[in-house]
Amino acid sequence: MTTKLREWGNSYALGLPKAALGKLNLKPGDELTLEIRNGAYVYKPVKKGPRIPTLDEMIASIPEGGIKNEWEDVIDVGREIVEWNEKILPKKRRRRLG
């Protein structure tokens, strides 16, 4: 495959055919690194970590009944009294530990 080097503003660009992009699993906007090996240019896709979901996506993934807290099923030990603000935990769900 051959391609032409073209002027693009104050820089130069290589055009890649769509067929090559498909085979390499690349899409417009992907980042590539350039290495020179034995007089040849080698382009590689920049490896990125897993995508971090947006806040809206995280909120949408919360199950209908909400998230169960691990501490809700913990067996009481000691003589502590757990008190919560009414907005956080209604009075009927408060309990005395111990």
N, C-alpha and C. Protein backbone atom coordinates (compact mmCIF):
# COMPACT_ATOMS: atom_id res chain seq x y z
N MET A 1 0.85 -1.17 0.00
CA MET A 1 0.00 0.00 0.00
C MET A 1 0.90 1.23 0.00
N THR A 2 0.55 2.19 -0.78
CA THR A 2 1.28 3.46 -0.80
C THR A 2 0.30 4.58 -0.47
N THR A 3 0.85 5.64 0.10
CA THR A 3 0.04 6.81 0.43
C THR A 3 0.90 8.05 0.23
N LYS A 4 0.29 9.19 0.17
CA LYS A 4 1.03 10.43 -0.06
C LYS A 4 1.10 11.25 1.22
N LEU A 5 2.21 11.94 1.36
CA LEU A 5 2.37 12.89 2.45
C LEU A 5 1.78 14.21 1.97
N ARG A 6 0.87 14.76 2.75
CA ARG A 6 0.17 15.99 2.33
C ARG A 6 0.39 17.10 3.35
N GLU A 7 0.32 18.33 2.87
CA GLU A 7 0.40 19.47 3.77
C GLU A 7 -0.94 19.65 4.46
N TRP A 8 -0.87 19.96 5.75
CA TRP A 8 -2.09 20.17 6.53
C TRP A 8 -1.79 21.33 7.48
N GLY A 9 -2.13 22.54 7.06
CA GLY A 9 -1.79 23.73 7.84
C GLY A 9 -0.28 23.89 7.87
N ASN A 10 0.29 23.99 9.06
CA ASN A 10 1.74 24.10 9.22
C ASN A 10 2.39 22.74 9.42
N SER A 11 1.65 21.67 9.23
CA SER A 11 2.16 20.31 9.45
C SER A 11 1.99 19.48 8.20
N TYR A 12 2.35 18.21 8.33
CA TYR A 12 2.15 17.26 7.25
C TYR A 12 1.34 16.08 7.78
N ALA A 13 0.61 15.41 6.90
CA ALA A 13 -0.24 14.30 7.32
C ALA A 13 -0.15 13.16 6.32
N LEU A 14 -0.32 11.94 6.82
CA LEU A 14 -0.41 10.76 5.98
C LEU A 14 -1.87 10.34 5.90
N GLY A 15 -2.33 10.05 4.70
CA GLY A 15 -3.70 9.56 4.56
C GLY A 15 -3.70 8.04 4.61
N LEU A 16 -4.60 7.47 5.39
CA LEU A 16 -4.72 6.01 5.46
C LEU A 16 -6.06 5.60 4.87
N PRO A 17 -6.07 4.64 3.98
CA PRO A 17 -7.34 4.18 3.40
C PRO A 17 -8.24 3.57 4.46
N LYS A 18 -9.56 3.68 4.27
CA LYS A 18 -10.52 3.12 5.22
C LYS A 18 -10.29 1.63 5.44
N ALA A 19 -9.92 0.92 4.39
CA ALA A 19 -9.68 -0.52 4.51
C ALA A 19 -8.56 -0.79 5.53
N ALA A 20 -7.51 0.04 5.49
CA ALA A 20 -6.40 -0.13 6.43
C ALA A 20 -6.86 0.18 7.85
N LEU A 21 -7.67 1.23 8.00
CA LEU A 21 -8.17 1.58 9.33
C LEU A 21 -9.00 0.43 9.91
N GLY A 22 -9.83 -0.18 9.06
CA GLY A 22 -10.66 -1.30 9.51
C GLY A 22 -9.83 -2.48 9.95
N LYS A 23 -8.80 -2.82 9.17
CA LYS A 23 -7.94 -3.95 9.52
C LYS A 23 -7.16 -3.70 10.81
N LEU A 24 -6.80 -2.45 11.04
CA LEU A 24 -6.02 -2.10 12.24
C LEU A 24 -6.91 -1.73 13.42
N ASN A 25 -8.23 -1.77 13.22
CA ASN A 25 -9.20 -1.41 14.26
C ASN A 25 -8.96 0.02 14.75
N LEU A 26 -8.74 0.93 13.82
CA LEU A 26 -8.52 2.35 14.14
C LEU A 26 -9.71 3.16 13.63
N LYS A 27 -9.91 4.31 14.27
CA LYS A 27 -10.95 5.22 13.83
C LYS A 27 -10.40 6.64 13.92
N PRO A 28 -10.99 7.59 13.20
CA PRO A 28 -10.51 8.97 13.26
C PRO A 28 -10.45 9.47 14.71
N GLY A 29 -9.37 10.12 15.05
CA GLY A 29 -9.20 10.65 16.40
C GLY A 29 -8.33 9.77 17.29
N ASP A 30 -8.11 8.49 16.89
CA ASP A 30 -7.24 7.62 17.68
C ASP A 30 -5.81 8.16 17.65
N GLU A 31 -5.09 7.99 18.75
CA GLU A 31 -3.71 8.45 18.84
C GLU A 31 -2.76 7.32 18.45
N LEU A 32 -1.68 7.70 17.76
CA LEU A 32 -0.66 6.75 17.35
C LEU A 32 0.70 7.24 17.83
N THR A 33 1.60 6.30 18.13
CA THR A 33 2.98 6.67 18.43
C THR A 33 3.81 6.35 17.19
N LEU A 34 4.89 7.09 17.01
CA LEU A 34 5.77 6.87 15.87
C LEU A 34 7.13 6.45 16.39
N GLU A 35 7.63 5.32 15.87
CA GLU A 35 8.97 4.86 16.18
C GLU A 35 9.73 4.71 14.86
N ILE A 36 11.03 4.88 14.94
CA ILE A 36 11.86 4.64 13.76
C ILE A 36 12.72 3.42 14.06
N ARG A 37 12.50 2.34 13.29
CA ARG A 37 13.23 1.09 13.48
C ARG A 37 13.93 0.72 12.17
N ASN A 38 15.22 0.59 12.26
CA ASN A 38 16.01 0.19 11.08
C ASN A 38 15.64 1.02 9.85
N GLY A 39 15.47 2.31 10.04
CA GLY A 39 15.19 3.20 8.93
C GLY A 39 13.74 3.19 8.47
N ALA A 40 12.87 2.46 9.16
CA ALA A 40 11.46 2.41 8.78
C ALA A 40 10.62 3.07 9.87
N TYR A 41 9.53 3.71 9.47
CA TYR A 41 8.62 4.31 10.42
C TYR A 41 7.61 3.26 10.86
N VAL A 42 7.42 3.15 12.16
CA VAL A 42 6.46 2.19 12.70
C VAL A 42 5.47 2.97 13.56
N TYR A 43 4.21 2.94 13.16
CA TYR A 43 3.15 3.60 13.92
C TYR A 43 2.41 2.56 14.74
N LYS A 44 2.14 2.88 16.01
CA LYS A 44 1.38 1.98 16.89
C LYS A 44 0.28 2.76 17.58
N PRO A 45 -0.89 2.13 17.77
CA PRO A 45 -1.95 2.80 18.52
C PRO A 45 -1.53 2.99 19.97
N VAL A 46 -1.89 4.11 20.56
CA VAL A 46 -1.61 4.36 21.98
C VAL A 46 -2.58 3.51 22.79
N LYS A 47 -2.02 2.71 23.70
CA LYS A 47 -2.87 1.87 24.54
C LYS A 47 -3.45 2.73 25.65
N LYS A 48 -4.74 2.63 25.82
CA LYS A 48 -5.41 3.40 26.85
C LYS A 48 -6.02 2.44 27.85
N GLY A 49 -6.14 2.88 29.09
CA GLY A 49 -6.76 2.07 30.13
C GLY A 49 -8.26 1.97 29.89
N PRO A 50 -8.93 1.27 30.79
CA PRO A 50 -10.38 1.14 30.63
C PRO A 50 -11.06 2.50 30.71
N ARG A 51 -12.12 2.64 29.97
CA ARG A 51 -12.88 3.89 29.96
C ARG A 51 -13.58 4.10 31.28
N ILE A 52 -13.49 5.31 31.82
CA ILE A 52 -14.15 5.64 33.08
C ILE A 52 -15.56 6.13 32.75
N PRO A 53 -16.59 5.49 33.34
CA PRO A 53 -17.96 5.92 33.03
C PRO A 53 -18.26 7.32 33.56
N THR A 54 -19.19 8.01 32.92
CA THR A 54 -19.60 9.33 33.37
C THR A 54 -20.49 9.18 34.61
N LEU A 55 -20.71 10.25 35.33
CA LEU A 55 -21.58 10.22 36.50
C LEU A 55 -22.98 9.77 36.11
N ASP A 56 -23.49 10.27 35.00
CA ASP A 56 -24.82 9.87 34.54
C ASP A 56 -24.89 8.37 34.28
N GLU A 57 -23.84 7.80 33.69
CA GLU A 57 -23.81 6.35 33.44
C GLU A 57 -23.78 5.57 34.74
N MET A 58 -23.00 6.06 35.72
CA MET A 58 -22.93 5.37 37.01
C MET A 58 -24.29 5.40 37.72
N ILE A 59 -24.93 6.57 37.69
CA ILE A 59 -26.24 6.70 38.33
C ILE A 59 -27.26 5.80 37.64
N ALA A 60 -27.22 5.74 36.32
CA ALA A 60 -28.15 4.89 35.57
C ALA A 60 -27.95 3.41 35.86
N SER A 61 -26.75 3.02 36.31
CA SER A 61 -26.47 1.61 36.57
C SER A 61 -26.90 1.15 37.96
N ILE A 62 -27.39 2.08 38.82
CA ILE A 62 -27.84 1.71 40.17
C ILE A 62 -29.13 0.91 40.05
N PRO A 63 -29.20 -0.27 40.70
CA PRO A 63 -30.41 -1.09 40.61
C PRO A 63 -31.64 -0.35 41.15
N GLU A 64 -32.82 -0.80 40.73
CA GLU A 64 -34.09 -0.16 41.11
C GLU A 64 -34.24 0.02 42.61
N GLY A 65 -33.90 -1.00 43.39
CA GLY A 65 -34.06 -0.94 44.85
C GLY A 65 -32.94 -0.22 45.57
N GLY A 66 -31.98 0.30 44.86
CA GLY A 66 -30.85 0.98 45.48
C GLY A 66 -29.70 0.01 45.72
N ILE A 67 -28.68 0.49 46.40
CA ILE A 67 -27.50 -0.31 46.69
C ILE A 67 -27.57 -0.76 48.14
N LYS A 68 -27.36 -2.03 48.38
CA LYS A 68 -27.38 -2.56 49.74
C LYS A 68 -26.01 -2.31 50.36
N ASN A 69 -26.02 -1.78 51.56
CA ASN A 69 -24.77 -1.53 52.27
C ASN A 69 -24.35 -2.77 53.03
N GLU A 70 -23.06 -3.08 53.01
CA GLU A 70 -22.54 -4.27 53.69
C GLU A 70 -22.83 -4.23 55.18
N TRP A 71 -22.81 -3.06 55.79
CA TRP A 71 -22.96 -2.96 57.24
C TRP A 71 -24.38 -3.26 57.71
N GLU A 72 -25.35 -3.30 56.82
CA GLU A 72 -26.73 -3.54 57.24
C GLU A 72 -26.94 -4.94 57.79
N ASP A 73 -26.13 -5.90 57.38
CA ASP A 73 -26.29 -7.28 57.84
C ASP A 73 -25.23 -7.71 58.85
N VAL A 74 -24.44 -6.76 59.35
CA VAL A 74 -23.39 -7.09 60.31
C VAL A 74 -24.02 -7.40 61.67
N ILE A 75 -23.50 -8.45 62.32
CA ILE A 75 -24.00 -8.83 63.65
C ILE A 75 -23.52 -7.78 64.67
N ASP A 76 -24.43 -7.39 65.56
CA ASP A 76 -24.10 -6.38 66.56
C ASP A 76 -23.04 -6.91 67.53
N VAL A 77 -22.05 -6.07 67.83
CA VAL A 77 -21.03 -6.40 68.81
C VAL A 77 -20.73 -5.14 69.60
N GLY A 78 -20.42 -5.27 70.86
CA GLY A 78 -20.12 -4.11 71.68
C GLY A 78 -21.39 -3.43 72.17
N ARG A 79 -21.25 -2.21 72.71
CA ARG A 79 -22.40 -1.50 73.29
C ARG A 79 -22.59 -0.13 72.65
N GLU A 80 -22.17 0.01 71.44
CA GLU A 80 -22.32 1.29 70.75
C GLU A 80 -23.77 1.53 70.36
N ILE A 81 -24.11 2.80 70.27
CA ILE A 81 -25.43 3.18 69.78
C ILE A 81 -25.21 3.91 68.48
N VAL A 82 -25.87 3.43 67.44
CA VAL A 82 -25.73 4.07 66.14
C VAL A 82 -26.91 5.01 65.97
N GLU A 83 -26.61 6.29 65.78
CA GLU A 83 -27.66 7.27 65.55
C GLU A 83 -27.39 7.95 64.23
N TRP A 84 -28.44 8.16 63.50
CA TRP A 84 -28.33 8.75 62.19
C TRP A 84 -29.26 9.95 62.05
N ASN A 85 -28.92 10.79 61.18
CA ASN A 85 -29.79 11.89 60.81
C ASN A 85 -31.01 11.27 60.13
N GLU A 86 -32.21 11.78 60.43
CA GLU A 86 -33.45 11.24 59.86
C GLU A 86 -33.42 11.17 58.34
N LYS A 87 -32.73 12.11 57.70
CA LYS A 87 -32.69 12.10 56.24
C LYS A 87 -31.87 10.92 55.72
N ILE A 88 -30.89 10.49 56.50
CA ILE A 88 -30.03 9.39 56.07
C ILE A 88 -30.66 8.04 56.42
N LEU A 89 -31.10 7.88 57.68
CA LEU A 89 -31.67 6.60 58.11
C LEU A 89 -32.87 6.87 59.00
N PRO A 90 -34.07 6.54 58.54
CA PRO A 90 -35.27 6.81 59.33
C PRO A 90 -35.21 6.12 60.70
N LYS A 91 -35.95 6.70 61.67
CA LYS A 91 -35.93 6.23 63.05
C LYS A 91 -36.23 4.73 63.16
N LYS A 92 -37.17 4.23 62.37
CA LYS A 92 -37.56 2.83 62.48
C LYS A 92 -36.41 1.89 62.10
N ARG A 93 -35.40 2.39 61.41
CA ARG A 93 -34.29 1.53 61.02
C ARG A 93 -33.09 1.67 61.94
N ARG A 94 -33.15 2.58 62.93
CA ARG A 94 -32.06 2.72 63.90
C ARG A 94 -32.05 1.50 64.80
N ARG A 95 -30.91 1.14 65.31
CA ARG A 95 -30.86 0.02 66.23
C ARG A 95 -29.75 0.23 67.24
N ARG A 96 -29.88 -0.38 68.34
CA ARG A 96 -28.85 -0.31 69.37
C ARG A 96 -27.94 -1.51 69.18
N LEU A 97 -26.66 -1.25 69.18
CA LEU A 97 -25.69 -2.33 69.03
C LEU A 97 -25.29 -2.81 70.43
N GLY A 98 -25.23 -4.12 70.62
CA GLY A 98 -24.73 -4.66 71.89
C GLY A 98 -25.76 -5.41 72.69
